[in-house]
C-alpha atoms as a PDB file:
ATOM      1  CA  MET A   1     134.550  47.068  28.401  1.00  0.00           C
ATOM      2  CA  ARG A   2     133.856  44.719  31.333  1.00  0.00           C
ATOM      3  CA  LEU A   3     136.655  46.389  33.277  1.00  0.00           C
ATOM      4  CA  LEU A   4     135.446  49.897  32.523  1.00  0.00           C
ATOM      5  CA  ARG A   5     131.927  49.031  33.620  1.00  0.00           C
ATOM      6  CA  ARG A   6     133.161  47.527  36.878  1.00  0.00           C
ATOM      7  CA  LEU A   7     135.405  50.518  37.591  1.00  0.00           C
ATOM      8  CA  THR A   8     132.806  53.227  37.079  1.00  0.00           C
ATOM      9  CA  PHE A   9     133.250  55.876  39.743  1.00  0.00           C
ATOM     10  CA  VAL A  10     129.876  56.077  41.524  1.00  0.00           C
ATOM     11  CA  LEU A  11     129.374  58.257  44.584  1.00  0.00           C
ATOM     12  CA  LEU A  12     127.553  55.949  46.941  1.00  0.00           C
ATOM     13  CA  ALA A  13     126.744  56.992  50.479  1.00  0.00           C
ATOM     14  CA  GLY A  14     125.941  54.525  53.196  1.00  0.00           C
ATOM     15  CA  ILE A  15     125.439  54.577  56.914  1.00  0.00           C
ATOM     16  CA  VAL A  16     123.647  52.030  59.055  1.00  0.00           C
ATOM     17  CA  LEU A  17     120.615  53.619  60.710  1.00  0.00           C
ATOM     18  CA  PRO A  18     118.323  52.285  63.438  1.00  0.00           C
ATOM     19  CA  SER A  19     115.291  52.680  61.171  1.00  0.00           C
ATOM     20  CA  LEU A  20     114.376  53.962  57.750  1.00  0.00           C
ATOM     21  CA  ALA A  21     112.026  56.476  59.322  1.00  0.00           C
ATOM     22  CA  ASP A  22     114.980  58.214  60.966  1.00  0.00           C
ATOM     23  CA  ALA A  23     116.889  58.540  57.718  1.00  0.00           C
ATOM     24  CA  ALA A  24     115.089  61.573  56.304  1.00  0.00           C
ATOM     25  CA  SER A  25     116.162  63.762  59.232  1.00  0.00           C
ATOM     26  CA  ARG A  26     119.801  62.635  59.252  1.00  0.00           C
ATOM     27  CA  GLU A  27     123.049  63.265  57.511  1.00  0.00           C
ATOM     28  CA  ALA A  28     125.441  60.481  56.593  1.00  0.00           C
ATOM     29  CA  LEU A  29     129.074  60.086  55.721  1.00  0.00           C
ATOM     30  CA  CYS A  30     129.247  58.965  52.104  1.00  0.00           C
ATOM     31  CA  LEU A  31     130.762  55.504  52.392  1.00  0.00           C
ATOM     32  CA  VAL A  32     132.238  55.395  48.932  1.00  0.00           C
ATOM     33  CA  CYS A  33     133.470  58.995  49.126  1.00  0.00           C
ATOM     34  CA  GLN A  34     135.138  57.976  52.362  1.00  0.00           C
ATOM     35  CA  VAL A  35     136.741  54.887  50.835  1.00  0.00           C
ATOM     36  CA  ARG A  36     137.616  56.343  47.450  1.00  0.00           C
ATOM     37  CA  GLU A  37     138.462  59.925  48.335  1.00  0.00           C
ATOM     38  CA  GLY A  38     139.022  59.945  52.085  1.00  0.00           C
ATOM     39  CA  ALA A  39     135.969  62.177  52.587  1.00  0.00           C
ATOM     40  CA  THR A  40     135.042  63.017  56.170  1.00  0.00           C
ATOM     41  CA  HIS A  41     132.033  65.330  55.746  1.00  0.00           C
ATOM     42  CA  LEU A  42     128.387  64.390  56.242  1.00  0.00           C
ATOM     43  CA  GLU A  43     125.776  64.743  53.501  1.00  0.00           C
ATOM     44  CA  PRO A  44     121.951  64.938  53.676  1.00  0.00           C
ATOM     45  CA  VAL A  45     120.280  61.553  53.295  1.00  0.00           C
ATOM     46  CA  LYS A  46     118.321  61.398  50.022  1.00  0.00           C
ATOM     47  CA  ALA A  47     117.473  57.684  49.791  1.00  0.00           C
ATOM     48  CA  THR A  48     117.411  54.551  51.945  1.00  0.00           C
ATOM     49  CA  ARG A  49     117.559  50.804  51.427  1.00  0.00           C
ATOM     50  CA  MET A  50     117.241  47.658  53.546  1.00  0.00           C
ATOM     51  CA  HIS A  51     119.833  44.908  53.130  1.00  0.00           C
ATOM     52  CA  GLU A  52     119.954  41.745  55.230  1.00  0.00           C
ATOM     53  CA  GLY A  53     117.878  43.343  57.960  1.00  0.00           C
ATOM     54  CA  ARG A  54     119.893  46.557  58.182  1.00  0.00           C
ATOM     55  CA  ALA A  55     118.954  50.030  56.999  1.00  0.00           C
ATOM     56  CA  TYR A  56     121.361  52.028  54.832  1.00  0.00           C
ATOM     57  CA  ALA A  57     121.122  55.697  53.878  1.00  0.00           C
ATOM     58  CA  PHE A  58     122.477  57.300  50.706  1.00  0.00           C
ATOM     59  CA  CYS A  59     123.229  60.763  49.376  1.00  0.00           C
ATOM     60  CA  SER A  60     121.106  60.223  46.235  1.00  0.00           C
ATOM     61  CA  GLU A  61     118.663  57.831  44.647  1.00  0.00           C
ATOM     62  CA  GLY A  62     121.302  57.093  42.018  1.00  0.00           C
ATOM     63  CA  CYS A  63     123.667  55.924  44.740  1.00  0.00           C
ATOM     64  CA  ALA A  64     120.932  53.764  46.243  1.00  0.00           C
ATOM     65  CA  LYS A  65     120.324  52.141  42.853  1.00  0.00           C
ATOM     66  CA  ALA A  66     124.036  51.448  42.501  1.00  0.00           C
ATOM     67  CA  PHE A  67     123.924  49.781  45.919  1.00  0.00           C
ATOM     68  CA  ASP A  68     120.984  47.651  44.732  1.00  0.00           C
ATOM     69  CA  LEU A  69     123.113  46.258  41.896  1.00  0.00           C
ATOM     70  CA  ASP A  70     125.911  45.001  44.148  1.00  0.00           C
ATOM     71  CA  PRO A  71     125.480  45.658  47.899  1.00  0.00           C
ATOM     72  CA  ALA A  72     128.529  43.609  48.862  1.00  0.00           C
ATOM     73  CA  ALA A  73     130.743  45.908  46.817  1.00  0.00           C
ATOM     74  CA  PHE A  74     129.883  48.875  49.025  1.00  0.00           C
ATOM     75  CA  ILE A  75     129.687  47.350  52.466  1.00  0.00           C
ATOM     76  CA  ALA A  76     132.953  47.676  54.389  1.00  0.00           C
ATOM     77  CA  PRO A  77     135.443  44.947  53.418  1.00  0.00           C
ATOM     78  CA  PRO A  78     136.818  42.612  56.097  1.00  0.00           C
ATOM     79  CA  ALA A  79     139.449  44.288  58.258  1.00  0.00           C
ATOM     80  CA  GLY A  80     141.381  41.169  59.203  1.00  0.00           C
ATOM     81  CA  PRO A  81     143.978  39.226  57.265  1.00  0.00           C
ATOM     82  CA  ALA A  82     142.920  37.301  54.173  1.00  0.00           C
ATOM     83  CA  GLU A  83     144.884  35.192  51.746  1.00  0.00           C
ATOM     84  CA  LEU A  84     146.216  36.619  48.516  1.00  0.00           C
ATOM     85  CA  PRO A  85     144.473  34.465  45.879  1.00  0.00           C
ATOM     86  CA  GLU A  86     146.186  32.476  43.184  1.00  0.00           C
ATOM     87  CA  CYS A  87     146.947  34.708  40.221  1.00  0.00           C
ATOM     88  CA  THR A  88     148.961  35.029  37.040  1.00  0.00           C
ATOM     89  CA  LEU A  89     150.300  38.502  36.381  1.00  0.00           C
ATOM     90  CA  VAL A  90     152.534  39.417  33.453  1.00  0.00           C
ATOM     91  CA  THR A  91     155.736  41.435  33.187  1.00  0.00           C
ATOM     92  CA  LEU A  92     155.875  44.295  30.694  1.00  0.00           C
ATOM     93  CA  ASP A  93     157.853  41.910  28.481  1.00  0.00           C
ATOM     94  CA  GLY A  94     155.131  39.261  28.574  1.00  0.00           C
ATOM     95  CA  LYS A  95     156.582  36.809  31.102  1.00  0.00           C
ATOM     96  CA  PRO A  96     154.092  35.221  33.552  1.00  0.00           C
ATOM     97  CA  VAL A  97     154.403  36.019  37.249  1.00  0.00           C
ATOM     98  CA  GLY A  98     152.504  33.780  39.662  1.00  0.00           C
ATOM     99  CA  ARG A  99     151.465  34.194  43.269  1.00  0.00           C
ATOM    100  CA  ALA A 100     154.686  32.622  44.535  1.00  0.00           C
ATOM    101  CA  ALA A 101     156.694  35.488  43.031  1.00  0.00           C
ATOM    102  CA  LEU A 102     154.804  37.925  45.271  1.00  0.00           C
ATOM    103  CA  LEU A 103     155.623  36.060  48.476  1.00  0.00           C
ATOM    104  CA  GLY A 104     158.695  35.906  50.685  1.00  0.00           C
ATOM    105  CA  LYS A 105     158.795  39.649  51.328  1.00  0.00           C
ATOM    106  CA  LEU A 106     156.455  42.271  52.672  1.00  0.00           C
ATOM    107  CA  THR A 107     154.772  43.360  49.438  1.00  0.00           C
ATOM    108  CA  LEU A 108     152.804  46.501  48.653  1.00  0.00           C
ATOM    109  CA  ILE A 109     150.600  45.842  45.605  1.00  0.00           C
ATOM    110  CA  ASP A 110     149.281  48.982  43.931  1.00  0.00           C
ATOM    111  CA  PHE A 111     146.550  48.707  41.266  1.00  0.00           C
ATOM    112  CA  TRP A 112     146.756  51.583  38.809  1.00  0.00           C
ATOM    113  CA  ALA A 113     146.230  52.675  35.202  1.00  0.00           C
ATOM    114  CA  THR A 114     147.788  55.310  32.970  1.00  0.00           C
ATOM    115  CA  TRP A 115     144.413  57.068  32.654  1.00  0.00           C
ATOM    116  CA  CYS A 116     143.889  57.285  36.446  1.00  0.00           C
ATOM    117  CA  LEU A 117     145.001  60.716  37.694  1.00  0.00           C
ATOM    118  CA  PRO A 118     144.961  59.822  41.430  1.00  0.00           C
ATOM    119  CA  CYS A 119     147.056  56.762  40.581  1.00  0.00           C
ATOM    120  CA  ARG A 120     149.641  58.858  38.770  1.00  0.00           C
ATOM    121  CA  LYS A 121     149.781  61.335  41.636  1.00  0.00           C
ATOM    122  CA  SER A 122     150.541  58.561  44.119  1.00  0.00           C
ATOM    123  CA  MET A 123     153.416  57.046  42.134  1.00  0.00           C
ATOM    124  CA  PRO A 124     156.169  59.366  43.450  1.00  0.00           C
ATOM    125  CA  GLU A 125     155.297  58.313  47.005  1.00  0.00           C
ATOM    126  CA  LEU A 126     155.426  54.657  45.992  1.00  0.00           C
ATOM    127  CA  GLN A 127     158.866  55.337  44.556  1.00  0.00           C
ATOM    128  CA  THR A 128     159.865  56.939  47.856  1.00  0.00           C
ATOM    129  CA  LEU A 129     158.727  53.825  49.732  1.00  0.00           C
ATOM    130  CA  HIS A 130     160.694  51.643  47.326  1.00  0.00           C
ATOM    131  CA  GLU A 131     163.864  53.690  47.803  1.00  0.00           C
ATOM    132  CA  ARG A 132     163.429  54.019  51.555  1.00  0.00           C
ATOM    133  CA  HIS A 133     162.512  50.436  52.425  1.00  0.00           C
ATOM    134  CA  GLY A 134     163.478  48.224  49.482  1.00  0.00           C
ATOM    135  CA  ALA A 135     166.760  47.225  51.102  1.00  0.00           C
ATOM    136  CA  ARG A 136     164.874  46.359  54.292  1.00  0.00           C
ATOM    137  CA  GLY A 137     162.607  43.872  52.519  1.00  0.00           C
ATOM    138  CA  LEU A 138     159.673  45.867  51.118  1.00  0.00           C
ATOM    139  CA  ASP A 139     158.683  44.920  47.564  1.00  0.00           C
ATOM    140  CA  VAL A 140     156.594  47.642  45.918  1.00  0.00           C
ATOM    141  CA  VAL A 141     154.681  46.247  42.942  1.00  0.00           C
ATOM    142  CA  GLY A 142     152.583  48.287  40.546  1.00  0.00           C
ATOM    143  CA  VAL A 143     149.896  46.233  38.787  1.00  0.00           C
ATOM    144  CA  SER A 144     148.488  47.994  35.737  1.00  0.00           C
ATOM    145  CA  ILE A 145     144.929  47.291  34.633  1.00  0.00           C
ATOM    146  CA  ASP A 146     145.307  49.198  31.348  1.00  0.00           C
ATOM    147  CA  GLU A 147     143.199  47.504  28.681  1.00  0.00           C
ATOM    148  CA  LYS A 148     145.516  48.850  25.982  1.00  0.00           C
ATOM    149  CA  GLY A 149     148.200  46.540  27.315  1.00  0.00           C
ATOM    150  CA  ALA A 150     151.880  46.693  28.107  1.00  0.00           C
ATOM    151  CA  SER A 151     152.748  48.925  25.163  1.00  0.00           C
ATOM    152  CA  ALA A 152     150.696  51.787  26.621  1.00  0.00           C
ATOM    153  CA  VAL A 153     152.257  51.262  30.041  1.00  0.00           C
ATOM    154  CA  LYS A 154     155.791  51.163  28.627  1.00  0.00           C
ATOM    155  CA  LYS A 155     155.157  54.393  26.739  1.00  0.00           C
ATOM    156  CA  PHE A 156     153.869  56.085  29.884  1.00  0.00           C
ATOM    157  CA  LEU A 157     156.777  54.896  32.038  1.00  0.00           C
ATOM    158  CA  LYS A 158     159.503  55.660  29.509  1.00  0.00           C
ATOM    159  CA  ALA A 159     160.153  59.174  30.795  1.00  0.00           C
ATOM    160  CA  LYS A 160     159.270  58.453  34.426  1.00  0.00           C
ATOM    161  CA  PRO A 161     161.810  57.925  37.231  1.00  0.00           C
ATOM    162  CA  PHE A 162     160.000  54.946  38.745  1.00  0.00           C
ATOM    163  CA  THR A 163     162.139  51.891  39.455  1.00  0.00           C
ATOM    164  CA  TYR A 164     159.822  49.716  41.532  1.00  0.00           C
ATOM    165  CA  ARG A 165     158.454  46.543  39.940  1.00  0.00           C
ATOM    166  CA  MET A 166     155.734  46.959  37.307  1.00  0.00           C
ATOM    167  CA  LEU A 167     153.412  44.182  36.160  1.00  0.00           C
ATOM    168  CA  MET A 168     150.244  43.825  34.094  1.00  0.00           C
ATOM    169  CA  ASP A 169     147.096  42.234  35.479  1.00  0.00           C
ATOM    170  CA  SER A 170     145.666  39.231  33.699  1.00  0.00           C
ATOM    171  CA  SER A 171     142.855  39.872  31.228  1.00  0.00           C
ATOM    172  CA  ASP A 172     141.398  36.370  31.689  1.00  0.00           C
ATOM    173  CA  ALA A 173     141.336  36.096  35.485  1.00  0.00           C
ATOM    174  CA  PRO A 174     142.302  39.542  36.820  1.00  0.00           C
ATOM    175  CA  LEU A 175     143.647  39.807  40.331  1.00  0.00           C
ATOM    176  CA  TRP A 176     141.785  43.094  40.871  1.00  0.00           C
ATOM    177  CA  GLU A 177     138.514  41.234  40.358  1.00  0.00           C
ATOM    178  CA  ALA A 178     139.469  38.397  42.701  1.00  0.00           C
ATOM    179  CA  LEU A 179     140.282  40.965  45.410  1.00  0.00           C
ATOM    180  CA  GLY A 180     136.973  42.793  44.997  1.00  0.00           C
ATOM    181  CA  VAL A 181     138.468  46.032  43.715  1.00  0.00           C
ATOM    182  CA  GLN A 182     135.692  48.351  42.526  1.00  0.00           C
ATOM    183  CA  SER A 183     137.754  51.424  41.713  1.00  0.00           C
ATOM    184  CA  ILE A 184     141.352  52.543  41.546  1.00  0.00           C
ATOM    185  CA  PRO A 185     143.657  53.519  43.111  1.00  0.00           C
ATOM    186  CA  ALA A 186     143.623  50.459  45.358  1.00  0.00           C
ATOM    187  CA  ALA A 187     146.503  48.998  47.338  1.00  0.00           C
ATOM    188  CA  PHE A 188     147.133  45.883  49.426  1.00  0.00           C
ATOM    189  CA  LEU A 189     149.923  45.151  51.877  1.00  0.00           C
ATOM    190  CA  VAL A 190     150.749  41.434  51.840  1.00  0.00           C
ATOM    191  CA  ASP A 191     152.981  39.733  54.390  1.00  0.00           C
ATOM    192  CA  PRO A 192     155.701  37.229  53.357  1.00  0.00           C
ATOM    193  CA  GLU A 193     153.293  34.304  53.863  1.00  0.00           C
ATOM    194  CA  GLY A 194     150.687  35.766  51.507  1.00  0.00           C
ATOM    195  CA  ARG A 195     148.250  37.224  54.031  1.00  0.00           C
ATOM    196  CA  ILE A 196     146.690  40.604  53.266  1.00  0.00           C
ATOM    197  CA  VAL A 197     147.352  42.665  56.380  1.00  0.00           C
ATOM    198  CA  GLU A 198     146.263  46.114  55.158  1.00  0.00           C
ATOM    199  CA  ARG A 199     144.146  47.375  52.267  1.00  0.00           C
ATOM    200  CA  TRP A 200     143.222  50.759  50.849  1.00  0.00           C
ATOM    201  CA  LEU A 201     140.307  50.576  48.416  1.00  0.00           C
ATOM    202  CA  GLY A 202     139.333  53.299  45.985  1.00  0.00           C
ATOM    203  CA  ARG A 203     142.071  55.660  47.134  1.00  0.00           C
ATOM    204  CA  ALA A 204     145.815  55.793  47.249  1.00  0.00           C
ATOM    205  CA  PRO A 205     147.240  55.458  50.741  1.00  0.00           C
ATOM    206  CA  THR A 206     149.290  58.386  51.948  1.00  0.00           C
ATOM    207  CA  LEU A 207     152.975  57.953  52.644  1.00  0.00           C
ATOM    208  CA  GLU A 208     152.209  58.332  56.350  1.00  0.00           C
ATOM    209  CA  GLN A 209     149.530  55.607  56.246  1.00  0.00           C
ATOM    210  CA  VAL A 210     151.875  53.118  54.619  1.00  0.00           C
ATOM    211  CA  GLU A 211     154.719  53.994  56.972  1.00  0.00           C
ATOM    212  CA  LYS A 212     152.408  53.315  59.927  1.00  0.00           C
ATOM    213  CA  ALA A 213     151.346  49.986  58.402  1.00  0.00           C
ATOM    214  CA  LEU A 214     155.017  49.028  57.982  1.00  0.00           C
ATOM    215  CA  GLU A 215     155.840  49.625  61.636  1.00  0.00           C
ATOM    216  CA  GLY A 216     156.979  46.426  63.274  1.00  0.00           C
ATOM    217  CA  ARG A 217     156.824  44.503  59.986  1.00  0.00           C
ATOM    218  CA  LEU A 218     160.267  45.390  58.624  1.00  0.00           C
ATOM    219  CA  PRO A 219     163.719  44.979  60.188  1.00  0.00           C
ATOM    220  CA  VAL A 220     164.998  48.110  61.929  1.00  0.00           C
ATOM    221  CA  ALA A 221     167.323  50.027  59.622  1.00  0.00           C
ATOM    222  CA  ALA A 222     171.029  49.989  60.527  1.00  0.00           C
ATOM    223  CA  GLY A 223     172.054  52.889  62.739  1.00  0.00           C
ATOM    224  CA  ARG A 224     168.671  53.299  64.405  1.00  0.00           C
END
């Protein structure tokens, strides 16, 4: 239940404004819609909050209250590299997989669940990336957060054509929590030394977005 509470899909809007007085006459891009759904449209401001001396506007009072509970979760994450934290994932057969097993290659970590429709829709593109760039050094890793465990994931994957690596997140010290994931899909591109060089939170990256992030980070394919 802790996981389900943390991964509740809340539509939070946020934009930094020069003053709260200006907020009522403005429209704002919903920050969480932007992060989670790729939204680009503005919405009327319905509520405002101050946080650390800055004014934020929201599309509803409910969104503002969600912001009150955990402001850091909705303020833009750092854009620069960060270290992949220590972790213990598990294979679908129950074998532990530590941080070291995720290093040495350029690794795309995708957090997903069998009940997440956007996650399932993105899986064919992840398979395409695996087939297209696996031989060049890209390791695509799906990390399931399913609370029903590996049996549910195995059942889901049984009839699927996905061949990239699949792991389960830890229930005791989940990697998604350590990385500040608030909703899925969420993906992280990690360089061979363990630095997070790209991240897509609350939405699945498009094939084009990942291809752009891979530019210059993989050896040039033979014949090019």
